[in-house]
Amino acid sequence: MGHCCSKSVSVSVVKDDNTVGGGGSTADHQQKPQPSPGLPSGNGTVDAQSNKNTPAHSFSASPWQSPYPAGMAPSPARTPGRLVKWPFPPPSPAKPIISALLKRQGPEKPKEGPIPEDEGGEGERALNKSFGYPTNFTANYELGKEVGRGHFGHTCWAKGKKGVLKNQPVAVKIISKAKMTTAISIEDVRREVKILKALSGHKNLVKFYDVFEDAHNVYVVMELCEGGELLDRILSRGGRYTEEDAKAIVIQILSVVAFCHLQGVVHRDLKPENFLFTTRDENASMKMIDFGLSDFIRPDQRLNDIVGSAYYVSPEVLHRSYSLEADIWSIGVITYILLCGSRPFWARTESGIFRSVLRADPNFDDSPWPAVSAEAKDFVKRLLNKDHRKRMSAAQALTHPWLRDENCAVPLDILIYKLVKSYIRATPLKQAALKALSKAFD
């Protein structure tokens, strides 16, 4: 999972650094300039008006409304000694997410001072950091310059030395074993490689070539995408896409996500930074990357670990009970950004962002929404429905009226698999009733 800096561009869409969870560094990311005043950064947020740093996990204003009208203070004639105060501020929704992040990263090590003689105590010595991958990386690939950096590692340009990839440029995601300080972080890497191996054959999915390891790192060899991130394209367009151009982007995202869901994989970190263009060409295709937070999931399973990026996290993730629908919410946030150039849920702190996701509704009244088609607004609203049961699946979204004229291929819906499974498990009486019902609709 990548942690890149914000861009110094004066538009309302900015780089998201509020990524929580763990896994690997974001593959194929290009290096970014340092954050500028007024844009959120990874270690805190900046107030654009006062230009003062605010801790990223600080508690903001109380969510409870005052009983008095705006501008009116309590009467001085109140009964003395009857003031009611909260002994503690209302619980912050950021706390379980911060806790999940610390659990994945492990305890923070001291930055300076002598190295203890028993460094890498019993707990760390017990961790098995051998993955069983081939160890001859340098014999097969020649590493070049670094093209991106994340929390758990970095990505480099490389060139194949022999075989089918001889003289072909590739991207190598280098994950440091020194930063695998917990069993969870080791399992994250193992699962990411397993998912990359399992997912193949879709044109909008980054190609996986090979994986190696040595005593210090794990090397994941993938397709090199040199066209930059989707976020770069949004910023270069002044913050938003036209509806027609946005459709082309959304169709590619829905298509690859529907493919992943049908394979039983939930991505859990969909955002513009995790979609790369293959080339700098204006009509280049996109590739989905970074499966460091992804997981396998059964159709009837609910996950409860909180991971993702703050601006794109769904309400059910914060409630610790979610499934594939969490990805659909993230696609809704991306579509909202494409159409209007701003985030649907925003605050200066992570606590504020999560509170907005849980309680606020997206703004469809301000410019440019009055000029956006009714079909586009309906499409976004159906993806950003807080009730995950009423949210469209990826395949259903591809059949929405807003995209119907694009003649895009509609993949098999994961819901069909669920219905078939439900039919097989049904009683003979229920199966007979379903057969009769299906014939009635013929």
Protein backbone atom coordinates (compact mmCIF):
# COMPACT_ATOMS: atom_id res chain seq x y z
CA MET A 1 0.00 0.00 0.00
CA GLY A 2 1.43 3.24 -1.05
CA HIS A 3 1.94 6.36 1.00
CA CYS A 4 2.78 9.06 -1.48
CA CYS A 5 2.77 12.80 -0.90
CA SER A 6 0.19 15.32 -2.03
CA LYS A 7 0.66 17.31 -5.18
CA SER A 8 1.12 21.06 -5.20
CA VAL A 9 -1.88 21.77 -7.36
CA SER A 10 -4.61 24.21 -6.42
CA VAL A 11 -7.61 22.01 -7.08
CA SER A 12 -9.96 20.26 -4.73
CA VAL A 13 -8.77 16.74 -5.56
CA VAL A 14 -5.51 15.94 -3.80
CA LYS A 15 -3.41 12.93 -3.07
CA ASP A 16 -4.74 10.72 -0.30
CA ASP A 17 -2.24 9.73 2.36
CA ASN A 18 -4.72 8.59 4.97
CA THR A 19 -4.19 4.93 4.10
CA VAL A 20 -4.57 2.47 6.94
CA GLY A 21 -3.87 -1.21 7.16
CA GLY A 22 -0.76 -2.85 5.85
CA GLY A 23 0.66 -5.06 3.17
CA GLY A 24 3.18 -3.96 0.57
CA SER A 25 4.19 -0.76 -1.11
CA THR A 26 2.22 0.44 -4.08
CA ALA A 27 3.65 -0.96 -7.30
CA ASP A 28 4.63 1.17 -10.25
CA HIS A 29 4.03 4.46 -8.46
CA GLN A 30 6.04 7.43 -9.63
CA GLN A 31 7.86 9.60 -7.13
CA LYS A 32 5.97 12.68 -6.01
CA PRO A 33 7.06 16.15 -4.81
CA GLN A 34 6.84 17.13 -1.16
CA PRO A 35 3.42 18.24 0.15
CA SER A 36 2.56 21.89 -0.11
CA PRO A 37 0.64 24.04 2.41
CA GLY A 38 -3.09 23.59 2.30
CA LEU A 39 -3.07 19.95 1.17
CA PRO A 40 -3.38 16.89 3.44
CA SER A 41 -0.16 15.00 4.06
CA GLY A 42 0.66 11.64 5.57
CA ASN A 43 1.69 12.71 9.08
CA GLY A 44 -1.02 15.26 9.68
CA THR A 45 -3.33 17.67 7.99
CA VAL A 46 -2.97 21.34 7.18
CA ASP A 47 -5.57 24.03 7.65
CA ALA A 48 -5.58 25.95 4.38
CA GLN A 49 -6.69 29.17 6.10
CA SER A 50 -4.52 29.26 9.21
CA ASN A 51 -1.73 27.10 7.76
CA LYS A 52 -1.36 25.34 11.15
CA ASN A 53 -0.61 21.69 11.46
CA THR A 54 -3.31 19.57 13.07
CA PRO A 55 -2.48 16.05 14.28
CA ALA A 56 -3.97 13.48 11.93
CA HIS A 57 -5.61 11.54 14.75
CA SER A 58 -6.71 14.44 16.98
CA PHE A 59 -10.28 14.68 18.23
CA SER A 60 -12.14 17.47 16.46
CA ALA A 61 -15.34 19.23 17.58
CA SER A 62 -18.04 17.31 19.41
CA PRO A 63 -20.62 15.76 17.05
CA TRP A 64 -23.46 16.64 19.47
CA GLN A 65 -25.45 19.71 18.45
CA SER A 66 -25.90 22.62 20.85
CA PRO A 67 -29.50 23.04 22.18
CA TYR A 68 -29.20 26.82 21.68
CA PRO A 69 -29.75 28.76 18.43
CA ALA A 70 -26.65 29.87 16.53
CA GLY A 71 -24.94 32.80 18.25
CA MET A 72 -26.89 32.46 21.53
CA ALA A 73 -25.00 31.60 24.72
CA PRO A 74 -26.53 29.83 27.76
CA SER A 75 -28.42 32.08 30.17
CA PRO A 76 -26.30 33.37 33.09
CA ALA A 77 -29.28 32.73 35.36
CA ARG A 78 -28.86 28.97 35.20
CA THR A 79 -28.87 27.07 38.46
CA PRO A 80 -25.29 27.00 39.82
CA GLY A 81 -23.61 23.65 39.95
CA ARG A 82 -25.85 22.06 37.33
CA LEU A 83 -23.45 22.27 34.37
CA VAL A 84 -23.24 18.93 32.61
CA LYS A 85 -19.95 18.04 30.98
CA TRP A 86 -18.86 14.96 29.12
CA PRO A 87 -16.20 13.26 31.24
CA PHE A 88 -14.57 12.13 27.97
CA PRO A 89 -15.06 13.21 24.35
CA PRO A 90 -17.30 10.97 22.21
CA PRO A 91 -15.34 7.96 20.94
CA SER A 92 -13.40 8.65 17.76
CA PRO A 93 -14.09 6.29 14.84
CA ALA A 94 -10.38 6.57 14.01
CA LYS A 95 -9.30 4.63 17.10
CA PRO A 96 -10.03 1.09 15.83
CA ILE A 97 -8.38 1.93 12.51
CA ILE A 98 -5.25 3.29 14.20
CA SER A 99 -5.24 0.18 16.37
CA ALA A 100 -5.47 -2.05 13.29
CA LEU A 101 -2.60 -0.16 11.66
CA LEU A 102 -0.35 -0.54 14.72
CA LYS A 103 -1.24 -4.21 14.94
CA ARG A 104 -0.08 -4.80 11.36
CA GLN A 105 3.07 -2.68 11.61
CA GLY A 106 4.19 -3.94 14.99
CA PRO A 107 5.79 -1.90 17.79
CA GLU A 108 7.78 1.15 16.73
CA LYS A 109 11.53 0.70 17.14
CA PRO A 110 13.73 3.36 18.73
CA LYS A 111 15.27 5.68 16.13
CA GLU A 112 18.58 6.24 17.87
CA GLY A 113 20.76 4.89 20.64
CA PRO A 114 22.92 1.79 20.94
CA ILE A 115 21.64 -1.45 19.48
CA PRO A 116 20.79 -3.88 22.29
CA GLU A 117 22.72 -7.10 22.33
CA ASP A 118 19.52 -9.11 22.20
CA GLU A 119 18.08 -7.21 19.21
CA GLY A 120 15.44 -9.26 17.46
CA GLY A 121 14.28 -10.88 20.68
CA GLU A 122 12.38 -14.08 21.01
CA GLY A 123 9.23 -12.67 19.36
CA GLU A 124 11.08 -11.51 16.24
CA ARG A 125 13.36 -14.57 16.08
CA ALA A 126 10.24 -16.74 16.08
CA LEU A 127 8.96 -15.09 12.88
CA ASN A 128 9.59 -17.21 9.82
CA LYS A 129 10.46 -14.78 7.01
CA SER A 130 11.29 -17.47 4.49
CA PHE A 131 8.59 -17.65 1.80
CA GLY A 132 10.06 -20.45 -0.29
CA TYR A 133 10.40 -18.26 -3.38
CA PRO A 134 13.38 -18.62 -5.79
CA THR A 135 16.52 -16.79 -4.66
CA ASN A 136 18.17 -16.09 -8.03
CA PHE A 137 16.65 -12.66 -8.71
CA THR A 138 19.93 -10.98 -9.73
CA ALA A 139 20.58 -13.74 -12.26
CA ASN A 140 17.29 -13.02 -14.01
CA TYR A 141 16.84 -9.24 -13.74
CA GLU A 142 18.93 -6.09 -13.76
CA LEU A 143 17.61 -3.42 -11.40
CA GLY A 144 17.39 0.22 -12.49
CA LYS A 145 16.18 3.46 -10.93
CA GLU A 146 13.51 3.72 -8.28
CA VAL A 147 10.11 4.80 -9.61
CA GLY A 148 7.99 4.75 -6.46
CA ARG A 149 8.09 4.33 -2.71
CA GLY A 150 5.61 3.10 -0.13
CA HIS A 151 5.50 2.32 3.56
CA PHE A 152 6.78 -1.25 3.34
CA GLY A 153 9.09 -0.96 0.36
CA HIS A 154 9.70 0.64 -3.03
CA THR A 155 9.30 -0.06 -6.73
CA CYS A 156 12.13 -0.05 -9.27
CA TRP A 157 12.45 -0.19 -13.03
CA ALA A 158 14.20 -3.36 -14.14
CA LYS A 159 15.11 -5.29 -17.27
CA GLY A 160 15.02 -9.02 -17.91
CA LYS A 161 18.35 -10.75 -18.54
CA LYS A 162 17.10 -13.97 -20.06
CA GLY A 163 14.04 -15.98 -20.93
CA VAL A 164 10.82 -14.56 -22.42
CA LEU A 165 11.41 -11.24 -20.63
CA LYS A 166 14.94 -10.73 -21.94
CA ASN A 167 15.61 -7.00 -22.53
CA GLN A 168 11.97 -6.25 -21.65
CA PRO A 169 11.34 -3.49 -19.06
CA VAL A 170 9.41 -4.57 -15.97
CA ALA A 171 8.49 -3.16 -12.57
CA VAL A 172 9.92 -4.80 -9.47
CA LYS A 173 8.19 -4.24 -6.16
CA ILE A 174 10.81 -4.66 -3.42
CA ILE A 175 9.33 -5.42 0.01
CA SER A 176 11.77 -5.19 2.90
CA LYS A 177 11.82 -8.16 5.28
CA ALA A 178 13.16 -5.88 8.02
CA LYS A 179 9.76 -4.16 8.08
CA MET A 180 7.90 -7.45 8.45
CA THR A 181 7.82 -7.21 12.23
CA THR A 182 4.56 -9.09 12.82
CA ALA A 183 3.04 -12.35 11.65
CA ILE A 184 0.23 -10.29 10.08
CA SER A 185 2.64 -8.30 7.89
CA ILE A 186 4.31 -11.52 6.71
CA GLU A 187 0.95 -13.04 5.89
CA ASP A 188 -0.04 -9.86 4.01
CA VAL A 189 2.91 -10.31 1.63
CA ARG A 190 2.28 -14.01 1.20
CA ARG A 191 -1.40 -13.36 0.44
CA GLU A 192 -0.63 -10.53 -2.01
CA VAL A 193 1.61 -12.80 -4.08
CA LYS A 194 -0.98 -15.58 -3.94
CA ILE A 195 -3.69 -13.21 -5.21
CA LEU A 196 -1.47 -11.88 -8.01
CA LYS A 197 -0.82 -15.45 -9.13
CA ALA A 198 -4.53 -16.33 -8.98
CA LEU A 199 -5.73 -13.27 -10.91
CA SER A 200 -4.69 -13.28 -14.54
CA GLY A 201 -6.18 -12.81 -17.95
CA HIS A 202 -7.96 -9.47 -17.59
CA LYS A 203 -6.80 -6.58 -19.76
CA ASN A 204 -7.20 -4.03 -16.95
CA LEU A 205 -5.23 -6.02 -14.39
CA VAL A 206 -1.48 -5.53 -13.97
CA LYS A 207 0.38 -8.61 -15.20
CA PHE A 208 2.29 -10.69 -12.66
CA TYR A 209 5.50 -12.29 -13.95
CA ASP A 210 7.47 -13.79 -11.07
CA VAL A 211 8.50 -13.50 -7.42
CA PHE A 212 11.88 -13.94 -5.73
CA GLU A 213 13.41 -13.44 -2.32
CA ASP A 214 16.75 -13.17 -0.57
CA ALA A 215 17.80 -12.61 3.04
CA HIS A 216 16.67 -8.98 2.97
CA ASN A 217 13.79 -8.54 0.51
CA VAL A 218 10.94 -10.04 -1.46
CA TYR A 219 10.97 -9.10 -5.18
CA VAL A 220 7.63 -9.09 -7.01
CA VAL A 221 8.11 -8.75 -10.78
CA MET A 222 5.18 -7.18 -12.65
CA GLU A 223 4.20 -5.34 -15.79
CA LEU A 224 5.64 -1.83 -16.06
CA CYS A 225 3.02 0.90 -16.50
CA GLU A 226 4.60 4.15 -17.63
CA GLY A 227 1.51 6.32 -18.14
CA GLY A 228 1.17 7.59 -14.57
CA GLU A 229 -1.68 7.37 -12.08
CA LEU A 230 -5.34 8.14 -12.67
CA LEU A 231 -4.96 10.89 -10.08
CA ASP A 232 -2.31 12.55 -12.25
CA ARG A 233 -4.74 12.64 -15.17
CA ILE A 234 -7.50 14.12 -13.03
CA LEU A 235 -5.19 16.87 -11.81
CA SER A 236 -3.93 17.58 -15.33
CA ARG A 237 -7.53 18.15 -16.43
CA GLY A 238 -8.09 20.77 -13.76
CA GLY A 239 -9.79 18.43 -11.31
CA ARG A 240 -12.58 16.78 -13.27
CA TYR A 241 -13.50 14.78 -16.36
CA THR A 242 -16.31 15.30 -18.84
CA GLU A 243 -19.10 12.74 -18.52
CA GLU A 244 -18.07 10.93 -21.70
CA ASP A 245 -14.44 10.67 -20.62
CA ALA A 246 -15.47 9.64 -17.11
CA LYS A 247 -17.55 6.80 -18.54
CA ALA A 248 -14.51 5.30 -20.27
CA ILE A 249 -12.62 5.32 -16.94
CA VAL A 250 -15.49 3.94 -14.85
CA ILE A 251 -16.18 1.10 -17.29
CA GLN A 252 -12.58 -0.11 -17.02
CA ILE A 253 -12.69 0.04 -13.21
CA LEU A 254 -16.03 -1.80 -12.98
CA SER A 255 -14.91 -4.43 -15.46
CA VAL A 256 -11.74 -5.41 -13.60
CA VAL A 257 -13.42 -5.22 -10.18
CA ALA A 258 -16.27 -7.48 -11.38
CA PHE A 259 -13.59 -9.92 -12.59
CA CYS A 260 -11.84 -9.89 -9.19
CA HIS A 261 -15.12 -10.33 -7.32
CA LEU A 262 -16.05 -13.32 -9.48
CA GLN A 263 -12.70 -14.90 -8.50
CA GLY A 264 -13.52 -14.31 -4.83
CA VAL A 265 -11.08 -11.42 -4.29
CA VAL A 266 -11.97 -8.11 -2.63
CA HIS A 267 -9.41 -5.35 -3.29
CA ARG A 268 -10.12 -3.14 -0.22
CA ASP A 269 -7.98 -0.19 -1.34
CA LEU A 270 -9.50 1.16 -4.55
CA LYS A 271 -8.48 4.77 -5.20
CA PRO A 272 -7.15 6.80 -8.18
CA GLU A 273 -3.55 6.18 -7.06
CA ASN A 274 -4.02 2.44 -7.61
CA PHE A 275 -4.95 2.70 -11.28
CA LEU A 276 -2.08 3.25 -13.70
CA PHE A 277 -2.12 3.98 -17.42
CA THR A 278 -0.02 1.74 -19.60
CA THR A 279 1.39 4.65 -21.65
CA ARG A 280 1.24 8.46 -21.78
CA ASP A 281 -1.20 8.25 -24.67
CA GLU A 282 -4.52 9.99 -24.01
CA ASN A 283 -6.51 6.86 -24.84
CA ALA A 284 -4.22 4.40 -23.06
CA SER A 285 -5.86 1.62 -21.06
CA MET A 286 -5.66 1.44 -17.28
CA LYS A 287 -4.31 -1.29 -15.01
CA MET A 288 -5.37 -1.96 -11.44
CA ILE A 289 -2.44 -2.45 -9.05
CA ASP A 290 -1.51 -2.92 -5.39
CA PHE A 291 -3.15 -5.98 -3.84
CA GLY A 292 -1.34 -5.50 -0.53
CA LEU A 293 -4.62 -5.13 1.35
CA SER A 294 -6.67 -7.52 -0.79
CA ASP A 295 -8.12 -10.77 0.51
CA PHE A 296 -9.96 -13.85 -0.61
CA ILE A 297 -13.60 -13.94 0.42
CA ARG A 298 -16.46 -16.44 0.16
CA PRO A 299 -19.84 -15.23 -1.18
CA ASP A 300 -21.49 -15.53 2.24
CA GLN A 301 -18.51 -14.27 4.27
CA ARG A 302 -18.22 -10.97 6.16
CA LEU A 303 -14.81 -9.46 6.92
CA ASN A 304 -14.13 -7.41 10.05
CA ASP A 305 -10.57 -6.06 9.88
CA ILE A 306 -10.43 -2.34 9.15
CA VAL A 307 -8.17 -1.51 6.21
CA GLY A 308 -8.27 0.90 3.30
CA SER A 309 -7.79 4.61 2.61
CA ALA A 310 -9.71 7.09 4.70
CA TYR A 311 -11.41 9.06 1.91
CA TYR A 312 -12.53 5.88 0.13
CA VAL A 313 -13.46 3.63 3.05
CA SER A 314 -17.08 2.48 3.22
CA PRO A 315 -19.42 2.77 6.24
CA GLU A 316 -19.63 -1.00 6.71
CA VAL A 317 -15.83 -1.24 6.93
CA LEU A 318 -15.93 1.22 9.83
CA HIS A 319 -18.68 -0.96 11.35
CA ARG A 320 -16.35 -3.96 10.97
CA SER A 321 -18.73 -6.09 8.91
CA TYR A 322 -18.32 -5.95 5.14
CA SER A 323 -17.98 -7.90 1.92
CA LEU A 324 -17.47 -7.15 -1.78
CA GLU A 325 -19.78 -4.12 -1.55
CA ALA A 326 -16.99 -2.15 0.12
CA ASP A 327 -15.18 -1.99 -3.23
CA ILE A 328 -18.33 -0.64 -4.91
CA TRP A 329 -18.47 2.24 -2.43
CA SER A 330 -14.87 3.13 -3.28
CA ILE A 331 -15.76 3.14 -6.99
CA GLY A 332 -18.60 5.53 -6.15
CA VAL A 333 -16.14 7.91 -4.48
CA ILE A 334 -13.83 7.74 -7.51
CA THR A 335 -16.75 8.43 -9.89
CA TYR A 336 -17.87 11.39 -7.77
CA ILE A 337 -14.35 12.83 -7.98
CA LEU A 338 -14.18 12.28 -11.74
CA LEU A 339 -17.44 14.15 -12.32
CA CYS A 340 -17.02 17.12 -10.00
CA GLY A 341 -13.35 17.32 -8.96
CA SER A 342 -13.87 17.11 -5.19
CA ARG A 343 -14.28 14.38 -2.60
CA PRO A 344 -17.78 13.49 -1.38
CA PHE A 345 -16.54 13.11 2.21
CA TRP A 346 -13.88 15.45 3.51
CA ALA A 347 -12.48 16.70 6.81
CA ARG A 348 -9.14 17.91 8.16
CA THR A 349 -8.65 14.89 10.42
CA GLU A 350 -9.14 11.17 10.01
CA SER A 351 -11.76 11.22 12.75
CA GLY A 352 -13.64 13.88 10.83
CA ILE A 353 -13.42 11.92 7.57
CA PHE A 354 -14.81 8.77 9.17
CA ARG A 355 -17.57 10.74 10.89
CA SER A 356 -18.49 12.25 7.53
CA VAL A 357 -18.56 8.82 5.85
CA LEU A 358 -20.86 7.48 8.55
CA ARG A 359 -23.25 10.43 8.88
CA ALA A 360 -23.01 12.89 5.98
CA ASP A 361 -24.53 12.73 2.49
CA PRO A 362 -22.62 13.72 -0.66
CA ASN A 363 -23.33 17.18 -2.03
CA PHE A 364 -25.14 17.08 -5.37
CA ASP A 365 -26.38 20.68 -5.27
CA ASP A 366 -23.30 22.83 -5.83
CA SER A 367 -21.56 23.39 -9.17
CA PRO A 368 -20.94 21.47 -11.39
CA TRP A 369 -23.68 19.01 -10.35
CA PRO A 370 -26.62 21.04 -11.75
CA ALA A 371 -25.05 20.59 -15.20
CA VAL A 372 -24.43 16.85 -14.74
CA SER A 373 -26.99 14.48 -16.27
CA ALA A 374 -29.64 12.89 -14.07
CA GLU A 375 -28.40 9.43 -15.09
CA ALA A 376 -24.87 10.19 -13.88
CA LYS A 377 -26.11 11.49 -10.53
CA ASP A 378 -28.35 8.45 -10.09
CA PHE A 379 -25.39 6.20 -10.92
CA VAL A 380 -23.20 7.78 -8.21
CA LYS A 381 -26.02 7.75 -5.64
CA ARG A 382 -26.59 4.04 -6.22
CA LEU A 383 -22.90 3.34 -5.55
CA LEU A 384 -22.72 5.62 -2.49
CA ASN A 385 -25.78 4.16 -0.79
CA LYS A 386 -24.89 3.72 2.89
CA ASP A 387 -27.02 0.56 2.97
CA HIS A 388 -24.70 -1.96 1.31
CA ARG A 389 -27.66 -4.23 0.54
CA LYS A 390 -29.08 -1.59 -1.82
CA ARG A 391 -25.76 -0.93 -3.55
CA MET A 392 -25.28 -2.18 -7.12
CA SER A 393 -22.77 -4.90 -7.83
CA ALA A 394 -20.01 -4.18 -10.35
CA ALA A 395 -21.80 -6.16 -13.07
CA GLN A 396 -25.11 -4.43 -12.34
CA ALA A 397 -23.43 -1.03 -12.50
CA LEU A 398 -22.24 -1.83 -16.04
CA THR A 399 -25.90 -2.17 -17.08
CA HIS A 400 -26.96 1.17 -15.57
CA PRO A 401 -28.62 3.63 -18.02
CA TRP A 402 -25.67 6.01 -17.69
CA LEU A 403 -23.37 3.37 -19.22
CA ARG A 404 -25.89 1.51 -21.38
CA ASP A 405 -25.01 3.36 -24.61
CA GLU A 406 -21.31 2.45 -24.27
CA ASN A 407 -21.92 -1.15 -25.42
CA CYS A 408 -19.56 -2.48 -22.76
CA ALA A 409 -19.29 -6.20 -22.11
CA VAL A 410 -21.11 -7.27 -18.96
CA PRO A 411 -19.28 -10.04 -17.06
CA LEU A 412 -20.95 -12.78 -15.07
CA ASP A 413 -22.34 -11.30 -11.87
CA ILE A 414 -21.15 -12.73 -8.56
CA LEU A 415 -24.80 -12.50 -7.46
CA ILE A 416 -25.66 -15.27 -9.94
CA TYR A 417 -23.18 -17.54 -8.21
CA LYS A 418 -24.80 -16.71 -4.87
CA LEU A 419 -28.27 -17.49 -6.23
CA VAL A 420 -27.14 -20.80 -7.76
CA LYS A 421 -25.49 -21.77 -4.49
CA SER A 422 -28.66 -20.83 -2.60
CA TYR A 423 -30.75 -22.93 -5.03
CA ILE A 424 -28.52 -25.99 -4.58
CA ARG A 425 -28.83 -25.74 -0.80
CA ALA A 426 -32.60 -25.17 -0.90
CA THR A 427 -35.16 -27.79 0.08
CA PRO A 428 -36.89 -29.75 -2.73
CA LEU A 429 -40.09 -27.77 -2.11
CA LYS A 430 -38.29 -24.44 -2.47
CA GLN A 431 -36.48 -25.65 -5.59
CA ALA A 432 -39.83 -26.64 -7.14
CA ALA A 433 -41.26 -23.22 -6.28
CA LEU A 434 -38.27 -21.45 -7.84
CA LYS A 435 -38.60 -23.54 -11.01
CA ALA A 436 -42.28 -22.66 -11.31
CA LEU A 437 -41.46 -19.00 -10.72
CA SER A 438 -38.76 -18.99 -13.39
CA LYS A 439 -41.14 -20.56 -15.93
CA ALA A 440 -43.73 -17.89 -15.16
CA PHE A 441 -41.24 -15.20 -16.18
CA ASP A 442 -40.28 -16.95 -19.47
